[in-house]
Amino acid sequence: MTISQVARAKGNEADMVYVLGLDAIAQREASPEARNELFVALTRSRGFAYLSGIGNYPFYDEAGQVLRSGSSFNFVYRKPKREIDN
């Protein structure tokens, strides 16, 4: 068993991947960087990926929809609106 942060797991694969602290991603769900970290973590698994988090976030519903969709899913990137100050 190896325990590592997502950035260190990039390029490596395992039969099972455990993503602990999904709530930390859910709190930053609008962040492309946070979503990318989750994507990298999930794609390191050859077989099973287990997600664990606490709380109740809209992001959990989105993740559930992806899981229920079957063997394929689409990622939709919504560019955040930013105000430009002069």
Protein backbone atom coordinates (compact mmCIF):
# COMPACT_ATOMS: atom_id res chain seq x y z
CA MET A 1 0.00 0.00 0.00
CA THR A 2 1.20 3.49 -0.85
CA ILE A 3 -0.24 6.71 0.56
CA SER A 4 0.49 9.88 -1.38
CA GLN A 5 -0.88 13.20 -2.43
CA VAL A 6 -2.46 13.41 -5.87
CA ALA A 7 0.44 15.31 -7.42
CA ARG A 8 2.85 12.54 -6.44
CA ALA A 9 0.54 9.85 -7.83
CA LYS A 10 0.48 11.37 -11.31
CA GLY A 11 1.92 8.87 -13.76
CA ASN A 12 1.39 5.91 -11.40
CA GLU A 13 -1.49 3.45 -11.34
CA ALA A 14 -3.00 1.17 -8.71
CA ASP A 15 -5.74 -1.46 -8.62
CA MET A 16 -7.63 0.56 -6.00
CA VAL A 17 -7.55 4.27 -5.26
CA TYR A 18 -9.03 5.86 -2.15
CA VAL A 19 -9.86 9.56 -2.36
CA LEU A 20 -10.14 10.83 1.20
CA GLY A 21 -11.41 14.32 1.97
CA LEU A 22 -13.69 14.79 -1.02
CA ASP A 23 -15.29 17.58 1.00
CA ALA A 24 -12.12 19.65 0.47
CA ILE A 25 -12.69 19.39 -3.30
CA ALA A 26 -16.43 20.06 -2.87
CA GLN A 27 -15.70 23.29 -0.98
CA ARG A 28 -13.67 24.49 -3.98
CA GLU A 29 -15.86 22.98 -6.70
CA ALA A 30 -15.56 26.02 -8.97
CA SER A 31 -11.78 25.69 -8.99
CA PRO A 32 -10.40 24.05 -12.15
CA GLU A 33 -7.31 23.06 -10.16
CA ALA A 34 -9.38 21.20 -7.54
CA ARG A 35 -11.37 19.38 -10.21
CA ASN A 36 -8.18 18.47 -12.04
CA GLU A 37 -6.72 16.98 -8.85
CA LEU A 38 -9.81 14.79 -8.47
CA PHE A 39 -9.67 13.76 -12.12
CA VAL A 40 -6.00 12.75 -11.78
CA ALA A 41 -6.77 10.81 -8.60
CA LEU A 42 -9.65 8.90 -10.18
CA THR A 43 -7.77 8.09 -13.36
CA ARG A 44 -4.94 6.46 -11.39
CA SER A 45 -7.21 3.49 -10.65
CA ARG A 46 -7.14 0.37 -12.83
CA GLY A 47 -10.13 -1.13 -11.06
CA PHE A 48 -11.86 0.62 -8.19
CA ALA A 49 -12.01 4.14 -6.81
CA TYR A 50 -13.49 4.87 -3.39
CA LEU A 51 -14.59 8.41 -2.50
CA SER A 52 -14.91 9.61 1.08
CA GLY A 53 -16.06 12.97 2.37
CA ILE A 54 -18.23 14.59 4.99
CA GLY A 55 -20.90 17.24 4.83
CA ASN A 56 -23.53 17.92 2.19
CA TYR A 57 -22.39 19.76 -0.94
CA PRO A 58 -23.97 20.18 -4.40
CA PHE A 59 -20.77 18.70 -5.80
CA TYR A 60 -21.72 15.32 -4.28
CA ASP A 61 -24.86 15.29 -6.47
CA GLU A 62 -22.74 16.01 -9.52
CA ALA A 63 -20.31 13.21 -8.62
CA GLY A 64 -23.27 10.86 -8.09
CA GLN A 65 -24.63 11.67 -11.56
CA VAL A 66 -21.25 10.84 -13.07
CA LEU A 67 -21.11 7.53 -11.23
CA ARG A 68 -24.65 6.59 -12.27
CA SER A 69 -23.97 7.44 -15.93
CA GLY A 70 -22.09 4.18 -16.45
CA SER A 71 -18.80 3.65 -18.18
CA SER A 72 -18.51 7.06 -19.85
CA PHE A 73 -19.00 10.64 -18.77
CA ASN A 74 -18.37 14.18 -19.96
CA PHE A 75 -16.64 16.99 -18.15
CA VAL A 76 -18.13 20.43 -18.66
CA TYR A 77 -15.91 23.35 -17.79
CA ARG A 78 -17.75 26.52 -16.86
CA LYS A 79 -15.42 29.48 -16.89
CA PRO A 80 -15.95 31.50 -13.71
CA LYS A 81 -17.22 35.03 -14.15
CA ARG A 82 -14.70 37.58 -13.02
CA GLU A 83 -15.14 41.25 -12.46
CA ILE A 84 -12.43 43.43 -13.90
CA ASP A 85 -11.47 46.38 -11.75
CA ASN A 86 -9.90 49.42 -13.35
